[in-house]
C-alpha atoms as a PDB file:
ATOM      1  CA  MET A   1     157.536 199.156 -21.842  1.00  0.00           C
ATOM      2  CA  SER A   2     157.926 197.228 -25.098  1.00  0.00           C
ATOM      3  CA  ASP A   3     158.386 198.991 -28.427  1.00  0.00           C
ATOM      4  CA  ALA A   4     156.745 196.084 -30.281  1.00  0.00           C
ATOM      5  CA  VAL A   5     154.108 197.225 -32.781  1.00  0.00           C
ATOM      6  CA  PRO A   6     151.121 195.180 -34.022  1.00  0.00           C
ATOM      7  CA  GLY A   7     151.162 194.409 -37.732  1.00  0.00           C
ATOM      8  CA  ALA A   8     148.144 194.262 -39.997  1.00  0.00           C
ATOM      9  CA  ASP A   9     147.499 190.721 -38.723  1.00  0.00           C
ATOM     10  CA  GLY A  10     147.511 191.931 -35.126  1.00  0.00           C
ATOM     11  CA  LEU A  11     150.752 190.141 -34.197  1.00  0.00           C
ATOM     12  CA  PRO A  12     153.320 192.260 -32.336  1.00  0.00           C
ATOM     13  CA  ARG A  13     156.571 192.791 -34.196  1.00  0.00           C
ATOM     14  CA  CYS A  14     159.771 194.807 -33.995  1.00  0.00           C
ATOM     15  CA  PRO A  15     158.756 198.299 -35.223  1.00  0.00           C
ATOM     16  CA  TRP A  16     160.867 198.172 -38.391  1.00  0.00           C
ATOM     17  CA  GLY A  17     159.202 194.907 -39.415  1.00  0.00           C
ATOM     18  CA  ALA A  18     155.617 196.017 -38.782  1.00  0.00           C
ATOM     19  CA  GLY A  19     155.513 198.932 -41.203  1.00  0.00           C
ATOM     20  CA  PRO A  20     153.873 199.164 -44.613  1.00  0.00           C
ATOM     21  CA  ALA A  21     156.858 197.851 -46.615  1.00  0.00           C
ATOM     22  CA  PRO A  22     156.145 194.183 -47.486  1.00  0.00           C
ATOM     23  CA  ASP A  23     159.859 193.599 -48.092  1.00  0.00           C
ATOM     24  CA  TYR A  24     160.626 194.402 -44.458  1.00  0.00           C
ATOM     25  CA  LEU A  25     157.685 192.351 -43.183  1.00  0.00           C
ATOM     26  CA  LEU A  26     158.733 189.208 -45.047  1.00  0.00           C
ATOM     27  CA  TYR A  27     162.392 189.613 -44.109  1.00  0.00           C
ATOM     28  CA  HIS A  28     161.540 190.222 -40.440  1.00  0.00           C
ATOM     29  CA  ASP A  29     159.161 187.279 -40.201  1.00  0.00           C
ATOM     30  CA  THR A  30     161.121 184.651 -42.120  1.00  0.00           C
ATOM     31  CA  GLU A  31     164.829 185.542 -42.140  1.00  0.00           C
ATOM     32  CA  TRP A  32     166.127 188.094 -39.667  1.00  0.00           C
ATOM     33  CA  GLY A  33     167.667 186.456 -36.636  1.00  0.00           C
ATOM     34  CA  ARG A  34     167.455 182.899 -37.954  1.00  0.00           C
ATOM     35  CA  ALA A  35     170.629 180.863 -38.117  1.00  0.00           C
ATOM     36  CA  VAL A  36     172.583 181.126 -41.369  1.00  0.00           C
ATOM     37  CA  ARG A  37     175.344 178.585 -41.873  1.00  0.00           C
ATOM     38  CA  GLY A  38     177.777 177.870 -44.713  1.00  0.00           C
ATOM     39  CA  ASP A  39     180.639 179.880 -46.156  1.00  0.00           C
ATOM     40  CA  ASP A  40     178.864 181.112 -49.280  1.00  0.00           C
ATOM     41  CA  ALA A  41     175.684 182.040 -47.413  1.00  0.00           C
ATOM     42  CA  LEU A  42     177.643 183.994 -44.810  1.00  0.00           C
ATOM     43  CA  PHE A  43     179.766 185.625 -47.510  1.00  0.00           C
ATOM     44  CA  GLU A  44     176.575 186.888 -49.129  1.00  0.00           C
ATOM     45  CA  ARG A  45     175.297 188.352 -45.863  1.00  0.00           C
ATOM     46  CA  LEU A  46     178.685 189.898 -45.098  1.00  0.00           C
ATOM     47  CA  CYS A  47     178.769 191.530 -48.536  1.00  0.00           C
ATOM     48  CA  LEU A  48     175.193 192.816 -48.334  1.00  0.00           C
ATOM     49  CA  GLU A  49     175.769 194.272 -44.862  1.00  0.00           C
ATOM     50  CA  ALA A  50     178.817 196.089 -46.228  1.00  0.00           C
ATOM     51  CA  PHE A  51     176.841 197.436 -49.193  1.00  0.00           C
ATOM     52  CA  GLN A  52     174.136 198.588 -46.766  1.00  0.00           C
ATOM     53  CA  SER A  53     176.549 200.854 -44.883  1.00  0.00           C
ATOM     54  CA  GLY A  54     175.193 204.397 -45.193  1.00  0.00           C
ATOM     55  CA  LEU A  55     171.960 203.214 -46.817  1.00  0.00           C
ATOM     56  CA  SER A  56     168.661 201.714 -45.670  1.00  0.00           C
ATOM     57  CA  TRP A  57     168.388 197.942 -45.521  1.00  0.00           C
ATOM     58  CA  LEU A  58     165.254 198.237 -47.647  1.00  0.00           C
ATOM     59  CA  THR A  59     167.435 199.490 -50.502  1.00  0.00           C
ATOM     60  CA  ILE A  60     169.499 196.310 -50.264  1.00  0.00           C
ATOM     61  CA  LEU A  61     166.509 193.992 -49.937  1.00  0.00           C
ATOM     62  CA  ARG A  62     164.955 195.371 -53.101  1.00  0.00           C
ATOM     63  CA  ARG A  63     168.184 194.768 -55.014  1.00  0.00           C
ATOM     64  CA  ARG A  64     169.105 191.433 -53.484  1.00  0.00           C
ATOM     65  CA  GLU A  65     168.256 189.382 -56.557  1.00  0.00           C
ATOM     66  CA  GLY A  66     170.222 191.854 -58.645  1.00  0.00           C
ATOM     67  CA  PHE A  67     173.190 191.390 -56.323  1.00  0.00           C
ATOM     68  CA  ARG A  68     172.909 187.611 -56.512  1.00  0.00           C
ATOM     69  CA  SER A  69     172.809 187.700 -60.293  1.00  0.00           C
ATOM     70  CA  ALA A  70     175.715 190.140 -60.537  1.00  0.00           C
ATOM     71  CA  PHE A  71     177.909 188.267 -58.053  1.00  0.00           C
ATOM     72  CA  ALA A  72     177.320 184.677 -59.244  1.00  0.00           C
ATOM     73  CA  GLY A  73     175.093 183.820 -56.309  1.00  0.00           C
ATOM     74  CA  PHE A  74     177.893 184.931 -53.972  1.00  0.00           C
ATOM     75  CA  ARG A  75     179.709 181.650 -54.531  1.00  0.00           C
ATOM     76  CA  ILE A  76     183.136 182.474 -53.165  1.00  0.00           C
ATOM     77  CA  ALA A  77     185.124 180.402 -55.640  1.00  0.00           C
ATOM     78  CA  GLU A  78     183.392 182.016 -58.618  1.00  0.00           C
ATOM     79  CA  VAL A  79     183.601 185.606 -57.361  1.00  0.00           C
ATOM     80  CA  ALA A  80     187.283 185.066 -56.620  1.00  0.00           C
ATOM     81  CA  ARG A  81     187.795 184.420 -60.334  1.00  0.00           C
ATOM     82  CA  PHE A  82     186.153 187.665 -61.450  1.00  0.00           C
ATOM     83  CA  THR A  83     188.320 189.667 -63.835  1.00  0.00           C
ATOM     84  CA  GLU A  84     188.742 193.357 -64.517  1.00  0.00           C
ATOM     85  CA  ALA A  85     186.016 192.993 -67.138  1.00  0.00           C
ATOM     86  CA  ASP A  86     183.689 191.733 -64.397  1.00  0.00           C
ATOM     87  CA  ARG A  87     184.611 194.706 -62.242  1.00  0.00           C
ATOM     88  CA  VAL A  88     183.742 197.094 -65.075  1.00  0.00           C
ATOM     89  CA  ARG A  89     180.460 195.228 -65.556  1.00  0.00           C
ATOM     90  CA  LEU A  90     179.603 195.565 -61.860  1.00  0.00           C
ATOM     91  CA  LEU A  91     180.357 199.281 -61.828  1.00  0.00           C
ATOM     92  CA  ALA A  92     177.833 199.730 -64.636  1.00  0.00           C
ATOM     93  CA  ASP A  93     175.145 197.384 -63.257  1.00  0.00           C
ATOM     94  CA  PRO A  94     171.979 199.319 -62.240  1.00  0.00           C
ATOM     95  CA  GLY A  95     170.706 196.259 -60.371  1.00  0.00           C
ATOM     96  CA  ILE A  96     173.207 196.718 -57.530  1.00  0.00           C
ATOM     97  CA  ILE A  97     174.744 199.563 -55.520  1.00  0.00           C
ATOM     98  CA  ARG A  98     177.483 200.844 -57.799  1.00  0.00           C
ATOM     99  CA  ASN A  99     179.917 201.870 -55.093  1.00  0.00           C
ATOM    100  CA  ARG A 100     183.489 201.387 -56.283  1.00  0.00           C
ATOM    101  CA  ALA A 101     185.008 200.839 -52.832  1.00  0.00           C
ATOM    102  CA  LYS A 102     182.360 198.278 -51.839  1.00  0.00           C
ATOM    103  CA  ILE A 103     182.602 196.399 -55.122  1.00  0.00           C
ATOM    104  CA  ASP A 104     186.389 196.278 -54.866  1.00  0.00           C
ATOM    105  CA  ALA A 105     186.147 195.065 -51.267  1.00  0.00           C
ATOM    106  CA  THR A 106     183.734 192.294 -52.273  1.00  0.00           C
ATOM    107  CA  LEU A 107     186.081 191.039 -54.986  1.00  0.00           C
ATOM    108  CA  ALA A 108     189.126 191.293 -52.724  1.00  0.00           C
ATOM    109  CA  ASN A 109     187.346 189.494 -49.886  1.00  0.00           C
ATOM    110  CA  ALA A 110     186.325 186.651 -52.187  1.00  0.00           C
ATOM    111  CA  ARG A 111     189.939 186.184 -53.252  1.00  0.00           C
ATOM    112  CA  VAL A 112     191.029 186.030 -49.623  1.00  0.00           C
ATOM    113  CA  LEU A 113     188.282 183.609 -48.611  1.00  0.00           C
ATOM    114  CA  ALA A 114     188.929 181.339 -51.586  1.00  0.00           C
ATOM    115  CA  GLN A 115     192.248 180.494 -49.919  1.00  0.00           C
ATOM    116  CA  TRP A 116     190.569 179.380 -46.684  1.00  0.00           C
ATOM    117  CA  ASP A 117     189.555 175.814 -45.918  1.00  0.00           C
ATOM    118  CA  ALA A 118     185.939 174.827 -46.524  1.00  0.00           C
ATOM    119  CA  GLY A 119     183.845 175.753 -43.492  1.00  0.00           C
ATOM    120  CA  GLU A 120     186.495 178.075 -42.083  1.00  0.00           C
ATOM    121  CA  LEU A 121     184.508 181.300 -42.501  1.00  0.00           C
ATOM    122  CA  ASP A 122     181.438 179.664 -40.967  1.00  0.00           C
ATOM    123  CA  ALA A 123     183.430 178.388 -37.977  1.00  0.00           C
ATOM    124  CA  LEU A 124     185.161 181.740 -37.442  1.00  0.00           C
ATOM    125  CA  ILE A 125     182.000 183.837 -37.515  1.00  0.00           C
ATOM    126  CA  TRP A 126     180.006 181.480 -35.292  1.00  0.00           C
ATOM    127  CA  SER A 127     182.826 181.288 -32.753  1.00  0.00           C
ATOM    128  CA  TYR A 128     181.876 184.865 -31.793  1.00  0.00           C
ATOM    129  CA  ALA A 129     178.253 184.061 -30.952  1.00  0.00           C
ATOM    130  CA  PRO A 130     177.586 185.328 -27.418  1.00  0.00           C
ATOM    131  CA  ASP A 131     175.645 183.537 -24.696  1.00  0.00           C
ATOM    132  CA  PRO A 132     172.165 182.892 -26.165  1.00  0.00           C
ATOM    133  CA  GLY A 133     170.680 183.286 -22.685  1.00  0.00           C
ATOM    134  CA  ARG A 134     171.185 187.042 -22.524  1.00  0.00           C
ATOM    135  CA  PRO A 135     168.052 189.084 -21.691  1.00  0.00           C
ATOM    136  CA  ALA A 136     165.677 189.848 -24.551  1.00  0.00           C
ATOM    137  CA  PRO A 137     165.555 193.540 -25.475  1.00  0.00           C
ATOM    138  CA  ALA A 138     162.343 195.190 -24.322  1.00  0.00           C
ATOM    139  CA  GLY A 139     162.794 198.243 -26.532  1.00  0.00           C
ATOM    140  CA  LEU A 140     164.948 199.592 -29.311  1.00  0.00           C
ATOM    141  CA  THR A 141     167.181 201.433 -26.857  1.00  0.00           C
ATOM    142  CA  ASP A 142     168.243 198.047 -25.464  1.00  0.00           C
ATOM    143  CA  ILE A 143     169.771 197.019 -28.786  1.00  0.00           C
ATOM    144  CA  PRO A 144     173.403 198.106 -29.255  1.00  0.00           C
ATOM    145  CA  ALA A 145     175.009 199.194 -32.522  1.00  0.00           C
ATOM    146  CA  SER A 146     178.032 197.036 -31.727  1.00  0.00           C
ATOM    147  CA  THR A 147     179.295 194.795 -28.950  1.00  0.00           C
ATOM    148  CA  ALA A 148     182.563 193.454 -27.628  1.00  0.00           C
ATOM    149  CA  GLN A 149     181.978 190.309 -29.694  1.00  0.00           C
ATOM    150  CA  SER A 150     181.273 192.203 -32.930  1.00  0.00           C
ATOM    151  CA  THR A 151     184.332 194.383 -32.342  1.00  0.00           C
ATOM    152  CA  ALA A 152     186.468 191.282 -31.836  1.00  0.00           C
ATOM    153  CA  LEU A 153     184.963 189.582 -34.902  1.00  0.00           C
ATOM    154  CA  ALA A 154     185.584 192.637 -37.081  1.00  0.00           C
ATOM    155  CA  SER A 155     189.143 192.847 -35.804  1.00  0.00           C
ATOM    156  CA  GLN A 156     189.787 189.182 -36.578  1.00  0.00           C
ATOM    157  CA  LEU A 157     188.292 189.413 -40.068  1.00  0.00           C
ATOM    158  CA  LYS A 158     190.412 192.480 -40.818  1.00  0.00           C
ATOM    159  CA  ARG A 159     193.506 190.802 -39.414  1.00  0.00           C
ATOM    160  CA  ARG A 160     192.923 187.946 -41.823  1.00  0.00           C
ATOM    161  CA  GLY A 161     192.679 190.272 -44.813  1.00  0.00           C
ATOM    162  CA  LEU A 162     188.984 191.133 -45.186  1.00  0.00           C
ATOM    163  CA  ARG A 163     187.833 194.678 -45.916  1.00  0.00           C
ATOM    164  CA  PHE A 164     184.749 196.747 -45.088  1.00  0.00           C
ATOM    165  CA  VAL A 165     184.038 194.823 -41.883  1.00  0.00           C
ATOM    166  CA  GLY A 166     183.777 197.273 -38.985  1.00  0.00           C
ATOM    167  CA  PRO A 167     182.181 196.490 -35.599  1.00  0.00           C
ATOM    168  CA  THR A 168     178.765 197.873 -36.621  1.00  0.00           C
ATOM    169  CA  THR A 169     178.692 195.873 -39.844  1.00  0.00           C
ATOM    170  CA  ALA A 170     179.810 192.789 -37.922  1.00  0.00           C
ATOM    171  CA  TYR A 171     177.030 193.254 -35.377  1.00  0.00           C
ATOM    172  CA  ALA A 172     174.408 193.695 -38.111  1.00  0.00           C
ATOM    173  CA  LEU A 173     175.694 190.413 -39.560  1.00  0.00           C
ATOM    174  CA  MET A 174     175.386 188.741 -36.161  1.00  0.00           C
ATOM    175  CA  GLN A 175     171.801 189.976 -35.825  1.00  0.00           C
ATOM    176  CA  ALA A 176     170.782 188.946 -39.332  1.00  0.00           C
ATOM    177  CA  CYS A 177     172.387 185.504 -39.191  1.00  0.00           C
ATOM    178  CA  GLY A 178     171.121 184.399 -35.802  1.00  0.00           C
ATOM    179  CA  LEU A 179     174.261 184.694 -33.701  1.00  0.00           C
ATOM    180  CA  VAL A 180     172.248 187.052 -31.523  1.00  0.00           C
ATOM    181  CA  ASN A 181     168.494 187.348 -31.173  1.00  0.00           C
ATOM    182  CA  ASP A 182     167.512 191.018 -31.152  1.00  0.00           C
ATOM    183  CA  HIS A 183     163.817 190.511 -31.801  1.00  0.00           C
ATOM    184  CA  LEU A 184     162.087 192.406 -29.010  1.00  0.00           C
ATOM    185  CA  ALA A 185     160.841 190.453 -26.011  1.00  0.00           C
ATOM    186  CA  ASP A 186     157.210 190.907 -27.094  1.00  0.00           C
ATOM    187  CA  CYS A 187     157.820 190.237 -30.796  1.00  0.00           C
ATOM    188  CA  ALA A 188     155.761 187.268 -31.985  1.00  0.00           C
ATOM    189  CA  TYR A 189     158.747 186.034 -34.008  1.00  0.00           C
ATOM    190  CA  ARG A 190     161.348 186.071 -31.248  1.00  0.00           C
ATOM    191  CA  ASP A 191     161.070 182.375 -30.363  1.00  0.00           C
ATOM    192  CA  ALA A 192     161.288 181.279 -33.999  1.00  0.00           C
ATOM    193  CA  ALA A 193     164.531 183.214 -34.354  1.00  0.00           C
ATOM    194  CA  ALA A 194     166.141 182.103 -31.105  1.00  0.00           C
ATOM    195  CA  PRO A 195     169.780 181.141 -31.803  1.00  0.00           C
ATOM    196  CA  ALA A 196     170.242 177.395 -31.748  1.00  0.00           C
ATOM    197  CA  GLY A 197     173.658 177.132 -33.370  1.00  0.00           C
ATOM    198  CA  GLY A 198     172.276 176.391 -36.811  1.00  0.00           C
ATOM    199  CA  ALA A 199     172.758 173.216 -38.787  1.00  0.00           C
ATOM    200  CA  PRO A 200     176.341 172.231 -39.605  1.00  0.00           C
ATOM    201  CA  VAL A 201     177.216 172.650 -43.267  1.00  0.00           C
ATOM    202  CA  SER A 202     179.872 170.591 -44.980  1.00  0.00           C
ATOM    203  CA  GLY A 203     181.991 172.226 -47.646  1.00  0.00           C
ATOM    204  CA  ARG A 204     180.994 175.667 -48.876  1.00  0.00           C
END
């Protein structure tokens, strides 16, 4: 039996996207599970998933513009140049989650990624996309918290110097960015989010 829930418009959705919060509804319908390509775009998602750890995703969604403003649009090259003064500014910024360890990890990760070739983060993350033909989840219990692919991706990112990237965070990234399609089988938005590899992006 499907766990899909009808929204106010009558269309069946994943339960978390059919609730009263408009932020969740918009994110579910237009972003979650759709292919995200490009180093900067994936860096943003990786950072936001790390900041979400221990919190609700709604908390992150409602601060996303604050995060983008605070972190220079998550442009890797710019964040990599942040100074100690920027770090102090971030720790005092009420528009983001002022978690010292997560802020430090974001800055450190940007410095690591700034040394990579253009397109390298994109290629690495997408190389862990599983077979898109796997069965659609009928219910929430069919959706794992992590997988062999997310564990391997997290391990590779850590091996290459990135922080705050465990298997669960890596799997949430894979779900959000379209590497896997975890919209429920009966969700009206499943087909729109079906992984198709995304459009290649040149540069960052």
